[in-house]
Protein backbone atom coordinates (compact mmCIF):
# COMPACT_ATOMS: atom_id res chain seq x y z
CA MET A 1 135.58 89.10 144.55
CA LEU A 2 134.64 85.56 143.48
CA ASP A 3 133.73 84.60 147.06
CA HIS A 4 131.49 87.66 147.28
CA THR A 5 129.87 86.72 143.97
CA GLU A 6 129.21 83.19 145.25
CA ARG A 7 127.44 84.55 148.31
CA ILE A 8 125.27 86.85 146.22
CA LEU A 9 124.45 84.04 143.80
CA ALA A 10 123.41 81.80 146.70
CA ASP A 11 121.07 84.54 147.88
CA LEU A 12 119.61 85.00 144.39
CA ILE A 13 119.04 81.28 143.89
CA GLY A 14 117.24 81.26 147.24
CA PHE A 15 114.51 83.48 145.79
CA PRO A 16 112.12 81.10 143.94
CA THR A 17 111.40 83.53 141.13
CA VAL A 18 109.47 81.18 138.84
CA SER A 19 107.74 83.38 136.26
CA ALA A 20 104.26 82.55 137.53
CA ASP A 21 105.11 83.45 141.12
CA GLY A 22 106.72 86.89 140.95
CA ASN A 23 110.11 88.37 141.79
CA LEU A 24 109.51 91.18 144.30
CA GLU A 25 111.80 89.81 147.03
CA LEU A 26 114.74 89.50 144.66
CA ILE A 27 114.14 92.99 143.24
CA ALA A 28 113.99 94.41 146.79
CA TYR A 29 117.27 92.64 147.61
CA ALA A 30 119.04 94.04 144.53
CA ALA A 31 117.56 97.51 144.99
CA ALA A 32 118.72 97.65 148.61
CA ALA A 33 122.25 96.65 147.60
CA LEU A 34 122.42 99.30 144.89
CA ASP A 35 120.69 101.98 146.99
CA GLY A 36 123.34 101.43 149.63
CA LEU A 37 125.99 102.37 147.08
CA GLY A 38 124.27 105.61 146.15
CA ALA A 39 122.81 104.35 142.89
CA HIS A 40 119.77 106.04 141.38
CA THR A 41 117.24 103.20 141.45
CA ARG A 42 113.81 103.01 139.85
CA THR A 43 111.28 100.18 139.71
CA THR A 44 108.27 99.50 137.54
CA LEU A 45 105.50 97.04 138.45
CA ASP A 46 103.42 94.84 136.20
CA GLU A 47 99.64 95.19 136.26
CA THR A 48 99.30 92.50 138.96
CA GLY A 49 101.74 94.23 141.31
CA THR A 50 103.57 90.93 141.87
CA LYS A 51 106.44 91.48 139.44
CA ALA A 52 108.88 94.32 139.00
CA ASN A 53 111.71 95.62 136.87
CA LEU A 54 114.66 97.35 138.49
CA PHE A 55 116.70 99.98 136.66
CA ALA A 56 119.62 101.51 138.54
CA THR A 57 122.41 103.87 137.53
CA ILE A 58 125.85 104.44 139.02
CA GLY A 59 127.93 107.31 137.67
CA PRO A 60 127.29 110.69 136.13
CA ASP A 61 123.84 111.77 134.99
CA VAL A 62 124.74 112.00 131.31
CA PRO A 63 123.42 110.27 128.20
CA GLY A 64 125.06 107.03 127.15
CA GLY A 65 126.77 104.48 129.30
CA VAL A 66 126.51 100.72 129.39
CA VAL A 67 123.57 98.59 130.54
CA LEU A 68 124.21 95.29 132.32
CA SER A 69 120.97 93.42 131.84
CA GLY A 70 119.57 90.19 133.18
CA HIS A 71 116.14 88.66 133.68
CA THR A 72 115.27 87.61 137.21
CA ASP A 73 112.60 84.98 136.46
CA VAL A 74 113.36 81.28 136.11
CA VAL A 75 111.53 78.30 134.66
CA PRO A 76 109.86 75.82 137.04
CA ALA A 77 112.18 73.41 138.84
CA ASP A 78 110.55 70.23 137.54
CA GLY A 79 112.31 66.89 137.23
CA ASP A 80 114.66 65.00 139.52
CA TRP A 81 117.12 67.27 141.30
CA THR A 82 120.00 66.00 143.41
CA ASP A 83 119.44 68.83 145.91
CA ASP A 84 116.82 71.48 146.65
CA PRO A 85 116.75 73.54 143.42
CA PHE A 86 116.35 76.79 145.38
CA THR A 87 119.33 76.20 147.65
CA ALA A 88 122.73 76.85 146.08
CA VAL A 89 125.12 73.92 146.39
CA GLU A 90 128.78 74.01 145.34
CA ARG A 91 130.50 70.82 144.19
CA ASP A 92 133.73 70.46 142.25
CA GLY A 93 133.87 74.08 141.16
CA LEU A 94 130.23 74.19 140.06
CA ILE A 95 127.33 76.01 141.71
CA TYR A 96 124.01 74.19 141.34
CA GLY A 97 120.53 75.68 141.61
CA ARG A 98 117.63 76.85 139.48
CA GLY A 99 118.75 79.98 137.67
CA ALA A 100 122.43 79.44 138.40
CA CYS A 101 123.35 80.02 134.75
CA ASP A 102 120.03 81.32 133.39
CA MET A 103 120.73 83.94 134.45
CA LYS A 104 121.37 84.71 138.09
CA GLY A 105 125.09 84.06 137.66
CA PHE A 106 125.42 87.21 135.56
CA ILE A 107 123.24 89.24 137.92
CA ALA A 108 125.42 88.11 140.84
CA CYS A 109 128.55 89.23 139.00
CA ALA A 110 127.00 92.62 138.24
CA LEU A 111 125.95 93.15 141.87
CA ALA A 112 129.35 91.98 143.14
CA MET A 113 131.07 94.52 140.90
CA ALA A 114 128.70 97.35 141.84
CA PRO A 115 130.87 98.58 144.77
CA ALA A 116 133.84 98.88 142.41
CA PHE A 117 131.75 100.94 139.97
CA ALA A 118 130.48 103.09 142.84
CA GLY A 119 134.01 103.72 144.10
CA ALA A 120 135.41 104.64 140.69
CA ASP A 121 135.50 108.04 139.04
CA LEU A 122 133.22 107.05 136.19
CA LYS A 123 133.05 109.38 133.22
CA ARG A 124 130.08 107.50 131.78
CA PRO A 125 127.36 105.70 133.72
CA VAL A 126 126.81 101.99 134.21
CA HIS A 127 123.19 100.91 134.34
CA PHE A 128 121.73 97.77 135.90
CA ALA A 129 118.54 96.41 134.31
CA PHE A 130 116.89 93.44 136.02
CA THR A 131 113.62 92.37 134.45
CA TYR A 132 110.65 90.05 134.97
CA ASP A 133 108.91 87.52 132.69
CA GLU A 134 111.60 86.96 130.10
CA GLU A 135 110.85 83.24 130.13
CA VAL A 136 107.20 83.74 129.18
CA GLY A 137 107.39 86.51 126.59
CA CYS A 138 109.89 89.22 127.60
CA PHE A 139 107.05 91.29 129.04
CA GLY A 140 109.24 92.99 131.63
CA ALA A 141 111.81 94.19 129.13
CA ARG A 142 109.05 95.52 126.90
CA ALA A 143 107.69 97.57 129.82
CA LEU A 144 111.20 98.72 130.69
CA MET A 145 111.79 100.06 127.17
CA ASP A 146 108.65 102.18 127.55
CA ALA A 147 109.84 103.41 130.96
CA LEU A 148 113.28 104.38 129.65
CA SER A 149 111.60 106.42 126.94
CA ASP A 150 109.38 108.13 129.50
CA TRP A 151 112.34 108.85 131.77
CA GLY A 152 114.47 110.19 128.92
CA VAL A 153 117.24 107.68 129.72
CA LYS A 154 119.32 106.86 126.64
CA PRO A 155 122.07 104.29 127.24
CA ALA A 156 124.49 103.75 124.39
CA THR A 157 125.19 100.04 124.71
CA CYS A 158 123.89 96.95 126.47
CA ILE A 159 125.36 93.61 127.50
CA ILE A 160 122.70 90.92 128.00
CA GLY A 161 124.31 88.36 130.30
CA GLU A 162 122.56 85.21 129.06
CA PRO A 163 124.69 82.06 129.35
CA THR A 164 126.95 82.00 126.29
CA SER A 165 130.08 80.54 127.92
CA MET A 166 131.36 84.14 127.67
CA ARG A 167 131.25 83.99 123.88
CA ILE A 168 130.08 87.17 122.15
CA ILE A 169 126.70 86.72 120.48
CA GLU A 170 125.74 89.34 117.91
CA GLY A 171 122.52 87.82 116.61
CA HIS A 172 119.55 85.55 117.21
CA LYS A 173 116.15 85.08 115.61
CA GLY A 174 112.98 86.63 116.94
CA CYS A 175 110.18 84.65 118.54
CA TYR A 176 106.55 85.45 117.71
CA GLU A 177 103.87 83.32 119.38
CA TYR A 178 100.12 83.20 118.70
CA THR A 179 96.93 81.29 119.46
CA THR A 180 94.30 81.32 116.73
CA ALA A 181 90.84 80.35 118.03
CA PHE A 182 87.93 79.21 115.84
CA THR A 183 84.38 79.48 117.18
CA GLY A 184 81.67 77.47 115.42
CA VAL A 185 78.27 75.86 115.95
CA PRO A 186 77.91 72.31 117.32
CA GLY A 187 75.59 69.68 115.97
CA HIS A 188 75.23 66.08 114.86
CA ALA A 189 77.77 64.95 112.29
CA SER A 190 74.98 63.52 110.13
CA GLU A 191 73.82 67.08 109.38
CA PRO A 192 77.04 69.02 108.77
CA ASP A 193 75.31 71.97 107.10
CA ARG A 194 73.49 72.79 110.35
CA GLY A 195 76.74 73.46 112.19
CA VAL A 196 80.05 75.23 111.67
CA ASN A 197 82.97 72.82 111.87
CA THR A 198 85.91 74.61 113.47
CA ILE A 199 88.38 71.79 112.87
CA ALA A 200 87.69 71.98 109.14
CA TYR A 201 88.47 75.69 109.14
CA ALA A 202 91.51 75.13 111.33
CA GLY A 203 92.70 72.59 108.79
CA ARG A 204 92.56 75.21 106.06
CA PHE A 205 94.48 77.55 108.34
CA LEU A 206 97.16 74.89 108.86
CA GLY A 207 97.46 74.69 105.09
CA LYS A 208 98.06 78.45 104.98
CA LEU A 209 100.75 78.16 107.62
CA ALA A 210 102.45 75.43 105.57
CA GLU A 211 102.28 77.67 102.49
CA MET A 212 103.89 80.53 104.42
CA GLU A 213 106.54 78.21 105.82
CA GLY A 214 107.61 77.44 102.27
CA ALA A 215 107.49 81.11 101.28
CA LEU A 216 109.74 82.06 104.18
CA LYS A 217 112.21 79.35 103.29
CA ALA A 218 112.47 80.82 99.79
CA ARG A 219 113.23 84.25 101.30
CA ALA A 220 116.37 83.11 103.13
CA PRO A 221 118.78 86.07 103.08
CA ASP A 222 122.05 85.61 101.23
CA GLY A 223 124.82 84.84 103.69
CA SER A 224 122.44 84.31 106.61
CA PRO A 225 124.49 83.07 109.59
CA PHE A 226 121.56 81.24 111.18
CA ASN A 227 120.83 77.53 111.20
CA PRO A 228 118.52 77.09 109.38
CA PRO A 229 119.24 80.29 107.45
CA TRP A 230 115.57 81.15 106.83
CA SER A 231 112.71 82.29 109.06
CA THR A 232 110.79 79.33 110.45
CA LEU A 233 107.07 78.95 111.11
CA GLN A 234 105.22 76.03 112.60
CA PRO A 235 102.01 74.99 114.39
CA GLY A 236 102.80 73.41 117.75
CA VAL A 237 99.45 72.57 119.39
CA ILE A 238 95.92 71.98 118.11
CA ARG A 239 92.88 71.42 120.33
CA GLY A 240 89.35 70.73 119.19
CA GLY A 241 86.45 68.34 119.10
CA ILE A 242 84.91 65.89 121.57
CA ALA A 243 83.81 62.95 119.39
CA ARG A 244 83.84 61.72 115.80
CA ASN A 245 80.09 62.24 115.42
CA VAL A 246 79.87 65.74 116.90
CA ILE A 247 80.49 68.89 114.86
CA PRO A 248 83.30 70.64 116.75
CA ASP A 249 82.29 74.15 117.83
CA ALA A 250 85.72 75.17 119.14
CA CYS A 251 89.28 74.68 117.96
CA GLU A 252 92.56 76.39 118.82
CA VAL A 253 95.88 76.36 117.01
CA GLU A 254 99.01 77.47 118.84
CA TRP A 255 101.73 78.46 116.42
CA GLU A 256 105.01 80.34 116.33
CA MET A 257 107.35 82.09 113.94
CA ARG A 258 111.08 82.74 114.36
CA PRO A 259 112.00 85.45 111.85
CA VAL A 260 115.56 86.27 110.86
CA ASN A 261 114.49 89.89 110.33
CA ALA A 262 111.50 92.16 110.83
CA ALA A 263 110.71 92.20 107.11
CA ASP A 264 110.02 88.46 107.11
CA ALA A 265 107.72 88.85 110.11
CA ARG A 266 105.67 91.54 108.36
CA PHE A 267 105.59 89.51 105.13
CA ALA A 268 104.16 86.43 106.82
CA LEU A 269 101.82 88.14 109.27
CA ASP A 270 100.24 90.37 106.62
CA ARG A 271 99.34 87.36 104.50
CA ILE A 272 98.16 85.21 107.40
CA ARG A 273 95.96 87.98 108.80
CA SER A 274 94.53 88.72 105.37
CA PHE A 275 93.66 85.04 104.91
CA LEU A 276 91.91 84.88 108.29
CA ASN A 277 90.19 88.27 108.18
CA ASP A 278 89.20 88.42 104.51
CA GLU A 279 88.47 84.77 103.75
CA ILE A 280 87.97 82.49 106.74
CA ASP A 281 86.17 84.81 109.17
CA PRO A 282 83.57 86.15 106.68
CA GLU A 283 82.85 82.63 105.46
CA MET A 284 82.27 81.38 109.01
CA ARG A 285 80.08 84.35 109.94
CA ALA A 286 77.99 83.86 106.81
CA LYS A 287 77.01 80.45 108.17
CA ALA A 288 76.32 81.68 111.73
CA ALA A 289 76.56 85.12 113.28
CA GLU A 290 78.23 83.74 116.39
CA ALA A 291 80.95 81.94 114.41
CA GLY A 292 84.36 83.39 113.54
CA VAL A 293 88.07 83.40 114.17
CA THR A 294 90.33 85.48 116.42
CA THR A 295 94.06 85.47 117.00
CA LEU A 296 95.64 86.18 120.37
CA THR A 297 99.20 87.52 120.33
CA VAL A 298 101.01 85.67 123.12
CA GLY A 299 104.26 87.52 122.52
CA GLU A 300 106.23 89.20 119.76
CA VAL A 301 109.91 89.47 120.59
CA ASP A 302 112.15 90.81 117.85
CA GLY A 303 115.44 89.09 117.21
CA LEU A 304 118.89 90.57 117.57
CA GLU A 305 120.01 91.43 114.05
CA PRO A 306 123.77 91.34 113.38
CA LEU A 307 124.90 94.77 112.25
CA PRO A 308 128.04 95.68 110.29
CA GLU A 309 128.76 98.55 112.69
CA SER A 310 128.04 97.74 116.34
CA GLU A 311 129.32 99.80 119.26
CA ALA A 312 128.41 97.05 121.71
CA LEU A 313 130.24 94.41 119.68
CA ALA A 314 133.39 96.55 119.56
CA LEU A 315 133.15 97.22 123.29
CA VAL A 316 132.76 93.60 124.36
CA ARG A 317 135.47 92.45 121.99
CA GLU A 318 137.78 94.87 123.77
CA LEU A 319 136.60 93.74 127.22
CA THR A 320 136.93 90.02 126.56
CA GLY A 321 139.83 89.99 124.13
CA GLY A 322 137.75 87.87 121.75
CA ASN A 323 137.38 88.74 118.08
CA ALA A 324 134.83 86.10 117.09
CA ALA A 325 131.11 86.81 117.22
CA ASP A 326 128.48 84.13 116.80
CA VAL A 327 124.72 83.75 116.48
CA VAL A 328 122.54 81.43 118.56
CA SER A 329 119.19 79.71 118.17
CA PHE A 330 117.71 80.70 121.54
CA GLY A 331 116.00 84.03 122.10
CA THR A 332 116.75 86.85 124.55
CA GLU A 333 115.62 90.38 125.38
CA ALA A 334 118.41 91.80 123.20
CA GLY A 335 116.17 92.62 120.25
CA LEU A 336 114.02 94.85 122.45
CA PHE A 337 117.06 96.87 123.53
CA GLN A 338 118.27 97.04 119.94
CA GLY A 339 114.83 98.17 118.81
CA ALA A 340 115.01 100.99 121.36
CA GLY A 341 118.17 102.25 119.70
CA ILE A 342 120.62 100.69 122.18
CA SER A 343 123.53 98.81 120.60
CA THR A 344 123.39 95.33 122.14
CA VAL A 345 125.21 92.03 122.32
CA VAL A 346 124.74 88.90 124.42
CA CYS A 347 127.62 87.64 126.57
CA GLY A 348 127.46 85.93 129.93
CA PRO A 349 128.72 83.11 132.16
CA GLY A 350 127.55 79.52 131.94
CA SER A 351 126.28 77.37 129.13
CA ILE A 352 122.78 77.33 127.66
CA GLU A 353 123.17 73.55 127.66
CA GLN A 354 122.61 73.64 131.42
CA ALA A 355 119.55 75.89 131.32
CA HIS A 356 115.98 74.63 131.87
CA LYS A 357 117.21 71.28 133.21
CA PRO A 358 117.42 69.60 136.61
CA ASP A 359 120.74 70.21 138.37
CA GLU A 360 121.34 73.45 136.47
CA PHE A 361 124.79 74.83 137.26
CA VAL A 362 127.34 77.52 136.52
CA ALA A 363 131.08 77.02 136.81
CA LEU A 364 133.12 79.24 139.12
CA GLU A 365 135.61 79.62 136.28
CA GLN A 366 132.86 81.17 134.16
CA LEU A 367 131.89 83.59 136.93
CA GLN A 368 135.52 84.68 137.21
CA LEU A 369 135.72 85.35 133.48
CA CYS A 370 132.61 87.50 133.78
CA LEU A 371 134.05 89.41 136.73
CA ASP A 372 137.23 90.01 134.71
CA MET A 373 135.15 91.46 131.87
CA LEU A 374 133.23 93.75 134.22
CA GLY A 375 136.46 94.85 135.90
CA ARG A 376 137.79 95.97 132.52
CA LEU A 377 134.49 97.76 131.92
CA GLU A 378 134.88 99.71 135.16
CA ARG A 379 138.34 100.86 134.10
CA LYS A 380 137.12 101.79 130.60
CA LEU A 381 134.21 103.85 131.92
CA SER A 382 136.65 105.71 134.18
CA VAL A 383 138.77 106.98 131.30
């Protein structure tokens, strides 16, 4: 089984599925493999037609079952690689290539196990969910949740196979990303009242973000397992102005928030939007009709909230034999599945320490542990 998994992983790495470039060839490859086993496969396209989700089911057509989910896109292969990043290379028990651990290793394990699922007398279905654009905002998973609702498909649990070194992850923060753009009126700096200075207004906005950062810190939940335990908020990029003596007529602030729960996100966003819409924007428009402020939502991905009663956590504890459950700082699609009413945990082969770097790799030992987990899942779904 491990040899078969290696061959599939080599094929998957060979598809250069950088988020900006699409994933259709990989989706066609996976769909053909699952179609050949008699799976019920469905795809959804993004608005450009260059990216697709695949959702496939093996087993009885009944509610419930377990989703094995992985994103197919990878980050760009920048930096100095020892070998071609889109050609799998095995050395010393490690398989190198872009996406090897994040997260084509898990997808390869799922596809390698698919014949065993197809040949078993499953009492509950196993679902395969392979998505696009996780790396740039989890847009594929968002579209997939809508499709599942439309199709009336209601899985019970989900395993997101992000690289956790096969540790069970029950929680991570959300990731909300925005760009706030200020539009003003240019002019000579010697006559500031004849223009609208966007950097000045952006500065006031940065002060509001700092205020909300402190407010979120004070709201840290008791017993929060995260590090830091509170929701974080920070500006990351600011662009504006062309010279010291020119009133800047355009400025953008890129900022993000990583909430520990949905309540914190609503708390902060309500106050930030009120500040912009009720104070800053009217003041700018009073100076010039063409001035104002707008905020673009780049992505809002809910976190995975640890729950006291979790069907997925109990399942994966049984499958792996591990009792511990941790939280992580990186984000995944898990919160979207959880928000759709699907009990979800994160558990997959490889280490996040290897992700998004040159010479990314996954260990064969990790792939075998994942195959062992999926083998136990096949037997459990057959009972």
